[in-house]
Amino acid sequence: MVDRKKPAHGFSDWAWQRATAIMMVIYSLLLAVRFVVDAPSVGFDGWHTWFAPMSFRAITLLFLWALIYHAWLGVKEILMDYVHNVGIRAKLQSLFGLVLVGDAIWAAYILWSLA
């Protein structure tokens, strides 16, 4: 008798990886266009003015969420493919997860301290 296991979350992870990549490309293009249009005012005061509106900070926070989730999915898949020892893989995933949570908190703090 064959023991068939239920498939993992491969397609879901793949779809989220593509969705977050598209979100990051759109944000990067918008930021590049804004950078070209406002090129003369790109100093600290210019950046501060860009990030002053709540809508721009919210979009940037969405970009950061996409970036962090994209990184998490990528590293998780790499570790699952190449680190066969479950204990080491769990420790590496935990370590990377903590780093990403720290990065998210730090980025949110920076974004909201601009007000």
N, C-alpha and C. Protein backbone atom coordinates (compact mmCIF):
# COMPACT_ATOMS: atom_id res chain seq x y z
N MET A 1 0.85 -1.18 0.00
CA MET A 1 0.00 0.00 0.00
C MET A 1 0.89 1.24 0.00
N VAL A 2 0.53 2.21 -0.79
CA VAL A 2 1.30 3.44 -0.92
C VAL A 2 0.77 4.46 0.08
N ASP A 3 1.69 5.06 0.81
CA ASP A 3 1.32 6.09 1.77
C ASP A 3 1.47 7.46 1.08
N ARG A 4 0.35 7.98 0.62
CA ARG A 4 0.40 9.27 -0.08
C ARG A 4 0.25 10.39 0.94
N LYS A 5 1.22 11.28 0.90
CA LYS A 5 1.16 12.43 1.80
C LYS A 5 0.46 13.58 1.10
N LYS A 6 -0.20 14.37 1.89
CA LYS A 6 -0.86 15.55 1.36
C LYS A 6 0.22 16.53 0.90
N PRO A 7 0.05 17.16 -0.25
CA PRO A 7 1.08 18.09 -0.72
C PRO A 7 1.25 19.27 0.22
N ALA A 8 2.46 19.80 0.23
CA ALA A 8 2.76 20.94 1.09
C ALA A 8 2.18 22.22 0.47
N HIS A 9 2.69 23.32 0.90
CA HIS A 9 2.17 24.62 0.46
C HIS A 9 2.98 25.19 -0.69
N GLY A 10 3.44 24.36 -1.58
CA GLY A 10 4.32 24.80 -2.66
C GLY A 10 3.71 25.83 -3.58
N PHE A 11 2.48 25.59 -4.05
CA PHE A 11 1.87 26.55 -4.97
C PHE A 11 1.55 27.85 -4.27
N SER A 12 1.06 27.77 -3.05
CA SER A 12 0.74 28.98 -2.30
C SER A 12 1.98 29.83 -2.09
N ASP A 13 3.08 29.19 -1.69
CA ASP A 13 4.33 29.93 -1.50
C ASP A 13 4.80 30.53 -2.82
N TRP A 14 4.69 29.79 -3.90
CA TRP A 14 5.10 30.27 -5.21
C TRP A 14 4.27 31.49 -5.60
N ALA A 15 2.95 31.41 -5.39
CA ALA A 15 2.07 32.52 -5.76
C ALA A 15 2.36 33.76 -4.92
N TRP A 16 2.58 33.58 -3.62
CA TRP A 16 2.91 34.72 -2.76
C TRP A 16 4.26 35.32 -3.13
N GLN A 17 5.20 34.49 -3.50
CA GLN A 17 6.52 34.98 -3.91
C GLN A 17 6.36 35.88 -5.14
N ARG A 18 5.55 35.47 -6.10
CA ARG A 18 5.34 36.28 -7.30
C ARG A 18 4.55 37.54 -6.99
N ALA A 19 3.54 37.42 -6.14
CA ALA A 19 2.73 38.60 -5.79
C ALA A 19 3.56 39.66 -5.07
N THR A 20 4.39 39.23 -4.13
CA THR A 20 5.23 40.20 -3.43
C THR A 20 6.27 40.80 -4.37
N ALA A 21 6.77 40.02 -5.31
CA ALA A 21 7.73 40.55 -6.29
C ALA A 21 7.07 41.63 -7.15
N ILE A 22 5.84 41.40 -7.57
CA ILE A 22 5.12 42.39 -8.37
C ILE A 22 4.89 43.66 -7.56
N MET A 23 4.50 43.51 -6.29
CA MET A 23 4.30 44.68 -5.43
C MET A 23 5.59 45.48 -5.30
N MET A 24 6.71 44.79 -5.13
CA MET A 24 7.98 45.49 -4.96
C MET A 24 8.41 46.19 -6.25
N VAL A 25 8.16 45.58 -7.40
CA VAL A 25 8.50 46.21 -8.68
C VAL A 25 7.67 47.48 -8.88
N ILE A 26 6.39 47.41 -8.60
CA ILE A 26 5.52 48.58 -8.77
C ILE A 26 5.98 49.72 -7.87
N TYR A 27 6.25 49.42 -6.60
CA TYR A 27 6.72 50.46 -5.67
C TYR A 27 8.06 51.03 -6.14
N SER A 28 8.96 50.17 -6.56
CA SER A 28 10.28 50.63 -7.01
C SER A 28 10.16 51.54 -8.23
N LEU A 29 9.28 51.19 -9.16
CA LEU A 29 9.07 52.04 -10.33
C LEU A 29 8.47 53.39 -9.95
N LEU A 30 7.49 53.38 -9.05
CA LEU A 30 6.91 54.64 -8.59
C LEU A 30 7.94 55.51 -7.88
N LEU A 31 8.77 54.88 -7.07
CA LEU A 31 9.82 55.63 -6.37
C LEU A 31 10.85 56.18 -7.36
N ALA A 32 11.18 55.40 -8.37
CA ALA A 32 12.15 55.86 -9.38
C ALA A 32 11.59 57.04 -10.17
N VAL A 33 10.32 56.97 -10.55
CA VAL A 33 9.69 58.08 -11.27
C VAL A 33 9.67 59.32 -10.39
N ARG A 34 9.31 59.15 -9.16
CA ARG A 34 9.28 60.30 -8.24
C ARG A 34 10.68 60.87 -8.04
N PHE A 35 11.66 60.00 -7.99
CA PHE A 35 13.05 60.44 -7.83
C PHE A 35 13.49 61.26 -9.05
N VAL A 36 13.12 60.83 -10.24
CA VAL A 36 13.49 61.56 -11.46
C VAL A 36 12.77 62.91 -11.52
N VAL A 37 11.50 62.93 -11.16
CA VAL A 37 10.72 64.16 -11.22
C VAL A 37 11.22 65.17 -10.19
N ASP A 38 11.52 64.71 -8.98
CA ASP A 38 11.94 65.60 -7.90
C ASP A 38 13.44 65.59 -7.68
N ALA A 39 14.22 65.26 -8.70
CA ALA A 39 15.67 65.10 -8.54
C ALA A 39 16.36 66.29 -7.88
N PRO A 40 16.00 67.54 -8.19
CA PRO A 40 16.72 68.65 -7.56
C PRO A 40 16.55 68.72 -6.04
N SER A 41 15.44 68.21 -5.53
CA SER A 41 15.19 68.33 -4.09
C SER A 41 15.51 67.06 -3.32
N VAL A 42 16.43 66.25 -3.82
CA VAL A 42 16.74 65.00 -3.15
C VAL A 42 17.88 65.21 -2.16
N GLY A 43 17.52 65.69 -1.01
CA GLY A 43 18.42 65.80 0.13
C GLY A 43 17.63 65.30 1.32
N PHE A 44 18.11 65.55 2.51
CA PHE A 44 17.38 65.09 3.68
C PHE A 44 16.00 65.72 3.75
N ASP A 45 15.94 67.03 3.51
CA ASP A 45 14.64 67.71 3.56
C ASP A 45 13.70 67.20 2.47
N GLY A 46 14.25 66.91 1.30
CA GLY A 46 13.43 66.36 0.22
C GLY A 46 12.86 65.00 0.56
N TRP A 47 13.69 64.14 1.11
CA TRP A 47 13.22 62.81 1.52
C TRP A 47 12.18 62.93 2.63
N HIS A 48 12.44 63.83 3.57
CA HIS A 48 11.50 64.02 4.67
C HIS A 48 10.15 64.50 4.14
N THR A 49 10.18 65.39 3.16
CA THR A 49 8.94 65.87 2.55
C THR A 49 8.22 64.75 1.80
N TRP A 50 8.97 63.89 1.13
CA TRP A 50 8.35 62.76 0.42
C TRP A 50 7.59 61.85 1.37
N PHE A 51 8.21 61.58 2.52
CA PHE A 51 7.63 60.60 3.44
C PHE A 51 6.67 61.24 4.44
N ALA A 52 6.41 62.52 4.35
CA ALA A 52 5.51 63.19 5.28
C ALA A 52 4.06 62.72 5.15
N PRO A 53 3.52 62.56 3.94
CA PRO A 53 2.12 62.12 3.85
C PRO A 53 1.94 60.70 4.38
N MET A 54 0.86 60.52 5.12
CA MET A 54 0.56 59.20 5.69
C MET A 54 0.39 58.15 4.60
N SER A 55 -0.18 58.55 3.46
CA SER A 55 -0.40 57.58 2.39
C SER A 55 0.92 57.02 1.86
N PHE A 56 1.93 57.88 1.71
CA PHE A 56 3.21 57.41 1.20
C PHE A 56 3.90 56.50 2.22
N ARG A 57 3.77 56.84 3.50
CA ARG A 57 4.36 55.97 4.53
C ARG A 57 3.64 54.63 4.58
N ALA A 58 2.33 54.63 4.39
CA ALA A 58 1.57 53.38 4.40
C ALA A 58 1.96 52.51 3.21
N ILE A 59 2.12 53.12 2.04
CA ILE A 59 2.55 52.37 0.86
C ILE A 59 3.96 51.82 1.06
N THR A 60 4.82 52.62 1.67
CA THR A 60 6.18 52.15 1.95
C THR A 60 6.16 51.01 2.95
N LEU A 61 5.29 51.08 3.95
CA LEU A 61 5.17 49.99 4.91
C LEU A 61 4.66 48.72 4.22
N LEU A 62 3.75 48.86 3.29
CA LEU A 62 3.27 47.71 2.51
C LEU A 62 4.42 47.12 1.69
N PHE A 63 5.24 47.98 1.10
CA PHE A 63 6.43 47.52 0.37
C PHE A 63 7.36 46.75 1.30
N LEU A 64 7.57 47.27 2.49
CA LEU A 64 8.47 46.60 3.43
C LEU A 64 7.90 45.25 3.87
N TRP A 65 6.57 45.18 4.06
CA TRP A 65 5.95 43.90 4.39
C TRP A 65 6.19 42.91 3.25
N ALA A 66 6.00 43.37 2.01
CA ALA A 66 6.20 42.50 0.85
C ALA A 66 7.65 42.04 0.78
N LEU A 67 8.59 42.95 1.03
CA LEU A 67 10.01 42.61 0.99
C LEU A 67 10.36 41.56 2.05
N ILE A 68 9.86 41.75 3.25
CA ILE A 68 10.18 40.83 4.35
C ILE A 68 9.52 39.47 4.11
N TYR A 69 8.28 39.46 3.65
CA TYR A 69 7.61 38.18 3.39
C TYR A 69 8.27 37.46 2.22
N HIS A 70 8.66 38.21 1.20
CA HIS A 70 9.37 37.65 0.05
C HIS A 70 10.68 37.00 0.50
N ALA A 71 11.41 37.71 1.34
CA ALA A 71 12.68 37.16 1.85
C ALA A 71 12.43 35.92 2.69
N TRP A 72 11.40 35.95 3.53
CA TRP A 72 11.09 34.80 4.37
C TRP A 72 10.77 33.57 3.52
N LEU A 73 9.93 33.74 2.52
CA LEU A 73 9.57 32.61 1.67
C LEU A 73 10.78 32.06 0.93
N GLY A 74 11.62 32.94 0.42
CA GLY A 74 12.80 32.50 -0.31
C GLY A 74 13.77 31.73 0.55
N VAL A 75 14.07 32.26 1.72
CA VAL A 75 15.02 31.58 2.61
C VAL A 75 14.43 30.28 3.13
N LYS A 76 13.14 30.29 3.43
CA LYS A 76 12.49 29.06 3.90
C LYS A 76 12.61 27.95 2.86
N GLU A 77 12.35 28.29 1.61
CA GLU A 77 12.44 27.29 0.54
C GLU A 77 13.88 26.81 0.35
N ILE A 78 14.83 27.72 0.40
CA ILE A 78 16.24 27.33 0.26
C ILE A 78 16.64 26.40 1.39
N LEU A 79 16.26 26.75 2.61
CA LEU A 79 16.62 25.90 3.75
C LEU A 79 15.93 24.53 3.66
N MET A 80 14.69 24.51 3.21
CA MET A 80 14.00 23.22 3.10
C MET A 80 14.63 22.35 2.02
N ASP A 81 15.15 22.97 0.97
CA ASP A 81 15.76 22.20 -0.12
C ASP A 81 17.17 21.72 0.22
N TYR A 82 17.94 22.52 0.94
CA TYR A 82 19.36 22.23 1.07
C TYR A 82 19.84 21.88 2.47
N VAL A 83 19.04 22.14 3.50
CA VAL A 83 19.42 21.76 4.87
C VAL A 83 18.51 20.61 5.28
N HIS A 84 19.08 19.41 5.30
CA HIS A 84 18.27 18.21 5.52
C HIS A 84 18.10 17.87 7.00
N ASN A 85 18.97 18.35 7.84
CA ASN A 85 18.85 18.12 9.28
C ASN A 85 17.75 19.04 9.81
N VAL A 86 16.69 18.43 10.34
CA VAL A 86 15.51 19.19 10.77
C VAL A 86 15.85 20.16 11.90
N GLY A 87 16.68 19.75 12.83
CA GLY A 87 17.03 20.61 13.95
C GLY A 87 17.79 21.85 13.51
N ILE A 88 18.77 21.66 12.66
CA ILE A 88 19.55 22.80 12.16
C ILE A 88 18.67 23.71 11.32
N ARG A 89 17.82 23.11 10.49
CA ARG A 89 16.92 23.91 9.65
C ARG A 89 15.98 24.74 10.51
N ALA A 90 15.43 24.16 11.57
CA ALA A 90 14.52 24.89 12.45
C ALA A 90 15.24 26.05 13.14
N LYS A 91 16.48 25.81 13.57
CA LYS A 91 17.24 26.88 14.22
C LYS A 91 17.55 28.00 13.24
N LEU A 92 17.94 27.65 12.02
CA LEU A 92 18.24 28.67 11.02
C LEU A 92 16.98 29.46 10.64
N GLN A 93 15.86 28.77 10.50
CA GLN A 93 14.61 29.47 10.19
C GLN A 93 14.20 30.39 11.34
N SER A 94 14.38 29.94 12.56
CA SER A 94 14.05 30.78 13.71
C SER A 94 14.95 32.00 13.76
N LEU A 95 16.23 31.79 13.54
CA LEU A 95 17.17 32.91 13.55
C LEU A 95 16.82 33.92 12.46
N PHE A 96 16.58 33.44 11.26
CA PHE A 96 16.25 34.34 10.17
C PHE A 96 14.91 35.03 10.42
N GLY A 97 13.95 34.32 10.99
CA GLY A 97 12.67 34.93 11.34
C GLY A 97 12.83 36.05 12.35
N LEU A 98 13.67 35.83 13.35
CA LEU A 98 13.92 36.88 14.34
C LEU A 98 14.58 38.10 13.71
N VAL A 99 15.52 37.86 12.82
CA VAL A 99 16.18 38.98 12.12
C VAL A 99 15.16 39.76 11.31
N LEU A 100 14.27 39.07 10.62
CA LEU A 100 13.26 39.76 9.81
C LEU A 100 12.27 40.53 10.67
N VAL A 101 11.87 39.97 11.81
CA VAL A 101 10.98 40.69 12.72
C VAL A 101 11.67 41.94 13.24
N GLY A 102 12.94 41.81 13.60
CA GLY A 102 13.71 42.97 14.04
C GLY A 102 13.81 44.03 12.96
N ASP A 103 14.05 43.60 11.73
CA ASP A 103 14.10 44.54 10.61
C ASP A 103 12.76 45.25 10.41
N ALA A 104 11.67 44.50 10.54
CA ALA A 104 10.33 45.08 10.36
C ALA A 104 10.05 46.13 11.44
N ILE A 105 10.39 45.82 12.67
CA ILE A 105 10.17 46.77 13.77
C ILE A 105 11.03 48.01 13.57
N TRP A 106 12.27 47.82 13.19
CA TRP A 106 13.18 48.94 12.96
C TRP A 106 12.67 49.83 11.82
N ALA A 107 12.24 49.21 10.72
CA ALA A 107 11.74 49.98 9.58
C ALA A 107 10.47 50.75 9.94
N ALA A 108 9.55 50.12 10.67
CA ALA A 108 8.33 50.80 11.08
C ALA A 108 8.66 51.97 12.01
N TYR A 109 9.60 51.77 12.90
CA TYR A 109 10.02 52.85 13.80
C TYR A 109 10.58 54.03 13.00
N ILE A 110 11.42 53.74 12.02
CA ILE A 110 12.01 54.80 11.20
C ILE A 110 10.91 55.53 10.41
N LEU A 111 10.00 54.78 9.81
CA LEU A 111 8.93 55.40 9.03
C LEU A 111 8.05 56.30 9.88
N TRP A 112 7.68 55.84 11.06
CA TRP A 112 6.77 56.61 11.88
C TRP A 112 7.47 57.68 12.71
N SER A 113 8.79 57.67 12.77
CA SER A 113 9.49 58.74 13.47
C SER A 113 9.72 59.94 12.55
N LEU A 114 9.35 59.82 11.29
CA LEU A 114 9.51 60.93 10.34
C LEU A 114 8.43 61.99 10.49
N ALA A 115 7.37 61.67 11.19
CA ALA A 115 6.25 62.62 11.31
C ALA A 115 6.62 63.84 12.12
